[in-house]
PDB file of N, CA and C in Angstrom:
ATOM      1  N   MET A   1       8.169 -64.523 -53.488  1.00  0.00           N
ATOM      2  CA  MET A   1       6.905 -65.091 -53.131  1.00  0.00           C
ATOM      3  C   MET A   1       6.007 -65.098 -54.354  1.00  0.00           C
ATOM      4  N   GLY A   2       5.637 -66.250 -54.792  1.00  0.00           N
ATOM      5  CA  GLY A   2       4.731 -66.375 -55.921  1.00  0.00           C
ATOM      6  C   GLY A   2       3.299 -66.471 -55.451  1.00  0.00           C
ATOM      7  N   SER A   3       2.440 -66.509 -56.419  1.00  0.00           N
ATOM      8  CA  SER A   3       1.030 -66.632 -56.047  1.00  0.00           C
ATOM      9  C   SER A   3       0.732 -68.076 -55.700  1.00  0.00           C
ATOM     10  N   ARG A   4      -0.179 -68.262 -54.794  1.00  0.00           N
ATOM     11  CA  ARG A   4      -0.538 -69.605 -54.369  1.00  0.00           C
ATOM     12  C   ARG A   4      -1.444 -70.240 -55.408  1.00  0.00           C
ATOM     13  N   PRO A   5      -1.270 -71.521 -55.669  1.00  0.00           N
ATOM     14  CA  PRO A   5      -2.140 -72.170 -56.635  1.00  0.00           C
ATOM     15  C   PRO A   5      -3.574 -72.240 -56.109  1.00  0.00           C
ATOM     16  N   GLY A   6      -4.527 -72.061 -57.015  1.00  0.00           N
ATOM     17  CA  GLY A   6      -5.926 -72.128 -56.636  1.00  0.00           C
ATOM     18  C   GLY A   6      -6.504 -70.794 -56.196  1.00  0.00           C
ATOM     19  N   PHE A   7      -5.640 -69.800 -56.041  1.00  0.00           N
ATOM     20  CA  PHE A   7      -6.113 -68.481 -55.645  1.00  0.00           C
ATOM     21  C   PHE A   7      -5.898 -67.517 -56.800  1.00  0.00           C
ATOM     22  N   CYS A   8      -6.868 -66.665 -57.031  1.00  0.00           N
ATOM     23  CA  CYS A   8      -6.713 -65.669 -58.080  1.00  0.00           C
ATOM     24  C   CYS A   8      -6.670 -64.286 -57.441  1.00  0.00           C
ATOM     25  N   LYS A   9      -6.045 -63.388 -58.128  1.00  0.00           N
ATOM     26  CA  LYS A   9      -5.985 -62.020 -57.630  1.00  0.00           C
ATOM     27  C   LYS A   9      -7.320 -61.356 -57.920  1.00  0.00           C
ATOM     28  N   GLU A  10      -7.924 -60.814 -56.867  1.00  0.00           N
ATOM     29  CA  GLU A  10      -9.189 -60.133 -57.034  1.00  0.00           C
ATOM     30  C   GLU A  10      -8.976 -58.637 -56.903  1.00  0.00           C
ATOM     31  N   ARG A  11      -9.753 -57.892 -57.682  1.00  0.00           N
ATOM     32  CA  ARG A  11      -9.690 -56.446 -57.566  1.00  0.00           C
ATOM     33  C   ARG A  11     -10.407 -56.023 -56.299  1.00  0.00           C
ATOM     34  N   PRO A  12      -9.873 -55.046 -55.598  1.00  0.00           N
ATOM     35  CA  PRO A  12     -10.593 -54.563 -54.418  1.00  0.00           C
ATOM     36  C   PRO A  12     -11.893 -53.882 -54.846  1.00  0.00           C
ATOM     37  N   VAL A  13     -12.924 -54.056 -54.052  1.00  0.00           N
ATOM     38  CA  VAL A  13     -14.214 -53.477 -54.362  1.00  0.00           C
ATOM     39  C   VAL A  13     -14.187 -51.993 -53.997  1.00  0.00           C
ATOM     40  N   ASN A  14     -14.582 -51.177 -54.932  1.00  0.00           N
ATOM     41  CA  ASN A  14     -14.603 -49.732 -54.735  1.00  0.00           C
ATOM     42  C   ASN A  14     -15.759 -49.368 -53.801  1.00  0.00           C
ATOM     43  N   ALA A  15     -15.535 -48.424 -52.907  1.00  0.00           N
ATOM     44  CA  ALA A  15     -16.568 -48.008 -51.952  1.00  0.00           C
ATOM     45  C   ALA A  15     -17.788 -47.433 -52.665  1.00  0.00           C
ATOM     46  N   LEU A  16     -17.577 -46.738 -53.780  1.00  0.00           N
ATOM     47  CA  LEU A  16     -18.709 -46.197 -54.533  1.00  0.00           C
ATOM     48  C   LEU A  16     -19.579 -47.305 -55.112  1.00  0.00           C
ATOM     49  N   LYS A  17     -18.971 -48.402 -55.491  1.00  0.00           N
ATOM     50  CA  LYS A  17     -19.740 -49.531 -56.016  1.00  0.00           C
ATOM     51  C   LYS A  17     -20.619 -50.134 -54.924  1.00  0.00           C
ATOM     52  N   ILE A  18     -20.094 -50.233 -53.715  1.00  0.00           N
ATOM     53  CA  ILE A  18     -20.871 -50.767 -52.600  1.00  0.00           C
ATOM     54  C   ILE A  18     -22.046 -49.843 -52.292  1.00  0.00           C
ATOM     55  N   VAL A  19     -21.795 -48.535 -52.267  1.00  0.00           N
ATOM     56  CA  VAL A  19     -22.868 -47.572 -52.022  1.00  0.00           C
ATOM     57  C   VAL A  19     -23.913 -47.665 -53.129  1.00  0.00           C
ATOM     58  N   GLY A  20     -23.465 -47.835 -54.370  1.00  0.00           N
ATOM     59  CA  GLY A  20     -24.396 -47.976 -55.491  1.00  0.00           C
ATOM     60  C   GLY A  20     -25.288 -49.187 -55.342  1.00  0.00           C
ATOM     61  N   ILE A  21     -24.713 -50.307 -54.943  1.00  0.00           N
ATOM     62  CA  ILE A  21     -25.496 -51.534 -54.763  1.00  0.00           C
ATOM     63  C   ILE A  21     -26.493 -51.360 -53.622  1.00  0.00           C
ATOM     64  N   VAL A  22     -26.060 -50.739 -52.524  1.00  0.00           N
ATOM     65  CA  VAL A  22     -26.960 -50.515 -51.396  1.00  0.00           C
ATOM     66  C   VAL A  22     -28.118 -49.601 -51.801  1.00  0.00           C
ATOM     67  N   LEU A  23     -27.834 -48.555 -52.588  1.00  0.00           N
ATOM     68  CA  LEU A  23     -28.893 -47.660 -53.046  1.00  0.00           C
ATOM     69  C   LEU A  23     -29.886 -48.378 -53.955  1.00  0.00           C
ATOM     70  N   ILE A  24     -29.385 -49.229 -54.834  1.00  0.00           N
ATOM     71  CA  ILE A  24     -30.282 -49.971 -55.722  1.00  0.00           C
ATOM     72  C   ILE A  24     -31.178 -50.902 -54.923  1.00  0.00           C
ATOM     73  N   VAL A  25     -30.591 -51.646 -53.996  1.00  0.00           N
ATOM     74  CA  VAL A  25     -31.383 -52.573 -53.180  1.00  0.00           C
ATOM     75  C   VAL A  25     -32.393 -51.808 -52.331  1.00  0.00           C
ATOM     76  N   GLY A  26     -31.969 -50.707 -51.733  1.00  0.00           N
ATOM     77  CA  GLY A  26     -32.884 -49.895 -50.929  1.00  0.00           C
ATOM     78  C   GLY A  26     -34.005 -49.303 -51.766  1.00  0.00           C
ATOM     79  N   GLY A  27     -33.691 -48.854 -52.978  1.00  0.00           N
ATOM     80  CA  GLY A  27     -34.714 -48.307 -53.858  1.00  0.00           C
ATOM     81  C   GLY A  27     -35.728 -49.343 -54.280  1.00  0.00           C
ATOM     82  N   VAL A  28     -35.257 -50.555 -54.576  1.00  0.00           N
ATOM     83  CA  VAL A  28     -36.174 -51.633 -54.961  1.00  0.00           C
ATOM     84  C   VAL A  28     -37.077 -51.999 -53.781  1.00  0.00           C
ATOM     85  N   ILE A  29     -36.516 -52.073 -52.599  1.00  0.00           N
ATOM     86  CA  ILE A  29     -37.325 -52.385 -51.413  1.00  0.00           C
ATOM     87  C   ILE A  29     -38.345 -51.277 -51.156  1.00  0.00           C
ATOM     88  N   ALA A  30     -37.933 -50.016 -51.326  1.00  0.00           N
ATOM     89  CA  ALA A  30     -38.855 -48.893 -51.119  1.00  0.00           C
ATOM     90  C   ALA A  30     -40.003 -48.944 -52.122  1.00  0.00           C
ATOM     91  N   LEU A  31     -39.701 -49.288 -53.370  1.00  0.00           N
ATOM     92  CA  LEU A  31     -40.762 -49.379 -54.375  1.00  0.00           C
ATOM     93  C   LEU A  31     -41.679 -50.572 -54.114  1.00  0.00           C
ATOM     94  N   ALA A  32     -41.109 -51.656 -53.632  1.00  0.00           N
ATOM     95  CA  ALA A  32     -41.911 -52.871 -53.413  1.00  0.00           C
ATOM     96  C   ALA A  32     -42.824 -52.731 -52.193  1.00  0.00           C
ATOM     97  N   THR A  33     -42.346 -52.097 -51.140  1.00  0.00           N
ATOM     98  CA  THR A  33     -43.132 -52.031 -49.912  1.00  0.00           C
ATOM     99  C   THR A  33     -43.883 -50.715 -49.745  1.00  0.00           C
ATOM    100  N   GLY A  34     -43.381 -49.644 -50.308  1.00  0.00           N
ATOM    101  CA  GLY A  34     -44.029 -48.350 -50.181  1.00  0.00           C
ATOM    102  C   GLY A  34     -43.742 -47.653 -48.873  1.00  0.00           C
ATOM    103  N   GLY A  35     -43.035 -48.276 -47.976  1.00  0.00           N
ATOM    104  CA  GLY A  35     -42.701 -47.672 -46.686  1.00  0.00           C
ATOM    105  C   GLY A  35     -42.478 -48.741 -45.637  1.00  0.00           C
ATOM    106  N   PHE A  36     -42.449 -48.300 -44.389  1.00  0.00           N
ATOM    107  CA  PHE A  36     -42.271 -49.242 -43.295  1.00  0.00           C
ATOM    108  C   PHE A  36     -43.019 -48.725 -42.076  1.00  0.00           C
ATOM    109  N   SER A  37     -43.235 -49.611 -41.135  1.00  0.00           N
ATOM    110  CA  SER A  37     -43.930 -49.221 -39.911  1.00  0.00           C
ATOM    111  C   SER A  37     -43.109 -49.652 -38.709  1.00  0.00           C
ATOM    112  N   TYR A  38     -43.323 -48.955 -37.611  1.00  0.00           N
ATOM    113  CA  TYR A  38     -42.652 -49.301 -36.369  1.00  0.00           C
ATOM    114  C   TYR A  38     -43.596 -49.006 -35.210  1.00  0.00           C
ATOM    115  N   THR A  39     -43.322 -49.618 -34.086  1.00  0.00           N
ATOM    116  CA  THR A  39     -44.156 -49.430 -32.899  1.00  0.00           C
ATOM    117  C   THR A  39     -43.425 -48.535 -31.911  1.00  0.00           C
ATOM    118  N   LYS A  40     -44.119 -47.510 -31.449  1.00  0.00           N
ATOM    119  CA  LYS A  40     -43.544 -46.564 -30.504  1.00  0.00           C
ATOM    120  C   LYS A  40     -44.332 -46.678 -29.198  1.00  0.00           C
ATOM    121  N   GLU A  41     -43.611 -46.946 -28.117  1.00  0.00           N
ATOM    122  CA  GLU A  41     -44.263 -47.067 -26.816  1.00  0.00           C
ATOM    123  C   GLU A  41     -44.095 -45.766 -26.042  1.00  0.00           C
ATOM    124  N   THR A  42     -45.204 -45.231 -25.571  1.00  0.00           N
ATOM    125  CA  THR A  42     -45.163 -44.005 -24.782  1.00  0.00           C
ATOM    126  C   THR A  42     -45.791 -44.265 -23.423  1.00  0.00           C
ATOM    127  N   ARG A  43     -45.214 -43.679 -22.407  1.00  0.00           N
ATOM    128  CA  ARG A  43     -45.781 -43.816 -21.055  1.00  0.00           C
ATOM    129  C   ARG A  43     -46.841 -42.743 -20.869  1.00  0.00           C
ATOM    130  N   LYS A  44     -47.992 -43.168 -20.460  1.00  0.00           N
ATOM    131  CA  LYS A  44     -49.086 -42.229 -20.223  1.00  0.00           C
ATOM    132  C   LYS A  44     -49.206 -41.849 -18.754  1.00  0.00           C
ATOM    133  N   ALA A  45     -48.987 -42.844 -17.867  1.00  0.00           N
ATOM    134  CA  ALA A  45     -49.133 -42.523 -16.444  1.00  0.00           C
ATOM    135  C   ALA A  45     -48.313 -43.500 -15.604  1.00  0.00           C
ATOM    136  N   ASP A  46     -47.705 -42.985 -14.564  1.00  0.00           N
ATOM    137  CA  ASP A  46     -47.015 -43.793 -13.563  1.00  0.00           C
ATOM    138  C   ASP A  46     -47.633 -43.452 -12.211  1.00  0.00           C
ATOM    139  N   ILE A  47     -48.495 -44.334 -11.741  1.00  0.00           N
ATOM    140  CA  ILE A  47     -49.171 -44.114 -10.463  1.00  0.00           C
ATOM    141  C   ILE A  47     -48.711 -45.210  -9.505  1.00  0.00           C
ATOM    142  N   GLY A  48     -47.766 -44.878  -8.669  1.00  0.00           N
ATOM    143  CA  GLY A  48     -47.222 -45.868  -7.736  1.00  0.00           C
ATOM    144  C   GLY A  48     -46.601 -47.024  -8.511  1.00  0.00           C
ATOM    145  N   PRO A  49     -46.995 -48.249  -8.159  1.00  0.00           N
ATOM    146  CA  PRO A  49     -46.430 -49.410  -8.848  1.00  0.00           C
ATOM    147  C   PRO A  49     -47.111 -49.686 -10.203  1.00  0.00           C
ATOM    148  N   VAL A  50     -48.140 -48.940 -10.531  1.00  0.00           N
ATOM    149  CA  VAL A  50     -48.867 -49.164 -11.785  1.00  0.00           C
ATOM    150  C   VAL A  50     -48.299 -48.258 -12.883  1.00  0.00           C
ATOM    151  N   HIS A  51     -47.910 -48.854 -13.981  1.00  0.00           N
ATOM    152  CA  HIS A  51     -47.386 -48.120 -15.130  1.00  0.00           C
ATOM    153  C   HIS A  51     -48.324 -48.348 -16.305  1.00  0.00           C
ATOM    154  N   ILE A  52     -48.835 -47.291 -16.849  1.00  0.00           N
ATOM    155  CA  ILE A  52     -49.714 -47.391 -18.002  1.00  0.00           C
ATOM    156  C   ILE A  52     -48.936 -46.902 -19.222  1.00  0.00           C
ATOM    157  N   ALA A  53     -48.851 -47.748 -20.235  1.00  0.00           N
ATOM    158  CA  ALA A  53     -48.143 -47.403 -21.464  1.00  0.00           C
ATOM    159  C   ALA A  53     -49.052 -47.672 -22.657  1.00  0.00           C
ATOM    160  N   VAL A  54     -48.838 -46.897 -23.691  1.00  0.00           N
ATOM    161  CA  VAL A  54     -49.617 -47.041 -24.919  1.00  0.00           C
ATOM    162  C   VAL A  54     -48.644 -47.295 -26.054  1.00  0.00           C
ATOM    163  N   GLU A  55     -48.958 -48.281 -26.875  1.00  0.00           N
ATOM    164  CA  GLU A  55     -48.137 -48.568 -28.052  1.00  0.00           C
ATOM    165  C   GLU A  55     -48.830 -47.992 -29.274  1.00  0.00           C
ATOM    166  N   ASP A  56     -48.150 -47.084 -29.945  1.00  0.00           N
ATOM    167  CA  ASP A  56     -48.664 -46.479 -31.170  1.00  0.00           C
ATOM    168  C   ASP A  56     -47.904 -47.054 -32.352  1.00  0.00           C
ATOM    169  N   LYS A  57     -48.640 -47.525 -33.341  1.00  0.00           N
ATOM    170  CA  LYS A  57     -48.008 -48.025 -34.551  1.00  0.00           C
ATOM    171  C   LYS A  57     -47.881 -46.866 -35.527  1.00  0.00           C
ATOM    172  N   GLN A  58     -46.650 -46.547 -35.892  1.00  0.00           N
ATOM    173  CA  GLN A  58     -46.370 -45.438 -36.795  1.00  0.00           C
ATOM    174  C   GLN A  58     -46.061 -45.979 -38.188  1.00  0.00           C
ATOM    175  N   GLN A  59     -46.554 -45.317 -39.212  1.00  0.00           N
ATOM    176  CA  GLN A  59     -46.309 -45.710 -40.601  1.00  0.00           C
ATOM    177  C   GLN A  59     -45.491 -44.618 -41.276  1.00  0.00           C
ATOM    178  N   VAL A  60     -44.390 -44.999 -41.910  1.00  0.00           N
ATOM    179  CA  VAL A  60     -43.557 -44.067 -42.660  1.00  0.00           C
ATOM    180  C   VAL A  60     -43.669 -44.450 -44.127  1.00  0.00           C
ATOM    181  N   ASN A  61     -44.197 -43.537 -44.928  1.00  0.00           N
ATOM    182  CA  ASN A  61     -44.346 -43.791 -46.359  1.00  0.00           C
ATOM    183  C   ASN A  61     -43.145 -43.230 -47.103  1.00  0.00           C
ATOM    184  N   VAL A  62     -42.552 -44.047 -47.967  1.00  0.00           N
ATOM    185  CA  VAL A  62     -41.434 -43.615 -48.789  1.00  0.00           C
ATOM    186  C   VAL A  62     -42.012 -43.177 -50.131  1.00  0.00           C
ATOM    187  N   PRO A  63     -41.765 -41.935 -50.547  1.00  0.00           N
ATOM    188  CA  PRO A  63     -42.316 -41.463 -51.815  1.00  0.00           C
ATOM    189  C   PRO A  63     -41.766 -42.254 -53.004  1.00  0.00           C
ATOM    190  N   LEU A  64     -42.571 -42.345 -54.034  1.00  0.00           N
ATOM    191  CA  LEU A  64     -42.180 -43.074 -55.243  1.00  0.00           C
ATOM    192  C   LEU A  64     -40.917 -42.474 -55.849  1.00  0.00           C
ATOM    193  N   TRP A  65     -40.820 -41.151 -55.854  1.00  0.00           N
ATOM    194  CA  TRP A  65     -39.666 -40.502 -56.465  1.00  0.00           C
ATOM    195  C   TRP A  65     -38.379 -40.816 -55.699  1.00  0.00           C
ATOM    196  N   ALA A  66     -38.487 -41.050 -54.389  1.00  0.00           N
ATOM    197  CA  ALA A  66     -37.287 -41.367 -53.599  1.00  0.00           C
ATOM    198  C   ALA A  66     -36.757 -42.757 -53.954  1.00  0.00           C
ATOM    199  N   GLY A  67     -37.649 -43.724 -54.142  1.00  0.00           N
ATOM    200  CA  GLY A  67     -37.226 -45.064 -54.532  1.00  0.00           C
ATOM    201  C   GLY A  67     -36.596 -45.077 -55.908  1.00  0.00           C
ATOM    202  N   ILE A  68     -37.238 -44.377 -56.857  1.00  0.00           N
ATOM    203  CA  ILE A  68     -36.701 -44.319 -58.222  1.00  0.00           C
ATOM    204  C   ILE A  68     -35.378 -43.564 -58.234  1.00  0.00           C
ATOM    205  N   GLY A  69     -35.304 -42.477 -57.471  1.00  0.00           N
ATOM    206  CA  GLY A  69     -34.057 -41.708 -57.401  1.00  0.00           C
ATOM    207  C   GLY A  69     -32.909 -42.511 -56.827  1.00  0.00           C
ATOM    208  N   ALA A  70     -33.177 -43.324 -55.812  1.00  0.00           N
ATOM    209  CA  ALA A  70     -32.126 -44.161 -55.224  1.00  0.00           C
ATOM    210  C   ALA A  70     -31.619 -45.180 -56.240  1.00  0.00           C
ATOM    211  N   ILE A  71     -32.525 -45.756 -57.021  1.00  0.00           N
ATOM    212  CA  ILE A  71     -32.115 -46.724 -58.043  1.00  0.00           C
ATOM    213  C   ILE A  71     -31.273 -46.043 -59.104  1.00  0.00           C
ATOM    214  N   VAL A  72     -31.706 -44.879 -59.577  1.00  0.00           N
ATOM    215  CA  VAL A  72     -30.962 -44.167 -60.625  1.00  0.00           C
ATOM    216  C   VAL A  72     -29.573 -43.768 -60.130  1.00  0.00           C
ATOM    217  N   ILE A  73     -29.487 -43.218 -58.938  1.00  0.00           N
ATOM    218  CA  ILE A  73     -28.181 -42.820 -58.397  1.00  0.00           C
ATOM    219  C   ILE A  73     -27.294 -44.047 -58.198  1.00  0.00           C
ATOM    220  N   GLY A  74     -27.877 -45.166 -57.745  1.00  0.00           N
ATOM    221  CA  GLY A  74     -27.104 -46.394 -57.581  1.00  0.00           C
ATOM    222  C   GLY A  74     -26.538 -46.909 -58.889  1.00  0.00           C
ATOM    223  N   VAL A  75     -27.339 -46.860 -59.940  1.00  0.00           N
ATOM    224  CA  VAL A  75     -26.865 -47.300 -61.268  1.00  0.00           C
ATOM    225  C   VAL A  75     -25.758 -46.378 -61.757  1.00  0.00           C
ATOM    226  N   VAL A  76     -25.921 -45.079 -61.558  1.00  0.00           N
ATOM    227  CA  VAL A  76     -24.878 -44.120 -61.977  1.00  0.00           C
ATOM    228  C   VAL A  76     -23.574 -44.407 -61.243  1.00  0.00           C
ATOM    229  N   LEU A  77     -23.646 -44.693 -59.948  1.00  0.00           N
ATOM    230  CA  LEU A  77     -22.434 -45.015 -59.194  1.00  0.00           C
ATOM    231  C   LEU A  77     -21.775 -46.303 -59.669  1.00  0.00           C
ATOM    232  N   LEU A  78     -22.575 -47.247 -60.152  1.00  0.00           N
ATOM    233  CA  LEU A  78     -21.998 -48.495 -60.647  1.00  0.00           C
ATOM    234  C   LEU A  78     -21.318 -48.344 -61.993  1.00  0.00           C
ATOM    235  N   VAL A  79     -21.795 -47.424 -62.826  1.00  0.00           N
ATOM    236  CA  VAL A  79     -21.227 -47.313 -64.171  1.00  0.00           C
ATOM    237  C   VAL A  79     -20.132 -46.261 -64.265  1.00  0.00           C
ATOM    238  N   ILE A  80     -19.905 -45.483 -63.207  1.00  0.00           N
ATOM    239  CA  ILE A  80     -18.810 -44.508 -63.221  1.00  0.00           C
ATOM    240  C   ILE A  80     -17.488 -45.266 -63.295  1.00  0.00           C
ATOM    241  N   PRO A  81     -16.653 -44.937 -64.257  1.00  0.00           N
ATOM    242  CA  PRO A  81     -15.354 -45.636 -64.331  1.00  0.00           C
ATOM    243  C   PRO A  81     -14.456 -45.267 -63.153  1.00  0.00           C
ATOM    244  N   LYS A  82     -13.712 -46.270 -62.705  1.00  0.00           N
ATOM    245  CA  LYS A  82     -12.786 -46.076 -61.581  1.00  0.00           C
ATOM    246  C   LYS A  82     -11.569 -45.320 -62.089  1.00  0.00           C
ATOM    247  N   LYS A  83     -11.155 -44.298 -61.343  1.00  0.00           N
ATOM    248  CA  LYS A  83     -10.005 -43.493 -61.771  1.00  0.00           C
ATOM    249  C   LYS A  83      -8.729 -44.048 -61.226  1.00  0.00           C
TER     250      LYS A  83
END
C-alpha cells in the first residue's frame, strides 16, 4: 500500500502542544477582559403558586499574574522538544 497522491503524512499533534495553545489563548483572553461575569438565580420565596426569584450578577476577576503565568507556561509547553 503506497501513499495516496495529494495526501501528505502529518505528524500527530502532541497533547502538551494542545494544552500549551489553550493556556496561551486563555491567558490572552484573561488579560484582555480582566475576568468574566455570570448571573446566578436564587429563590427567595415560594408562597403557593407564587415564586419569587432574584438574579444576582456575579463578577469573577482574573488576576494579572494568572493571565501572564498561563501565557508563560503555554509558551514553555510549546517549545519543549518532543521525546
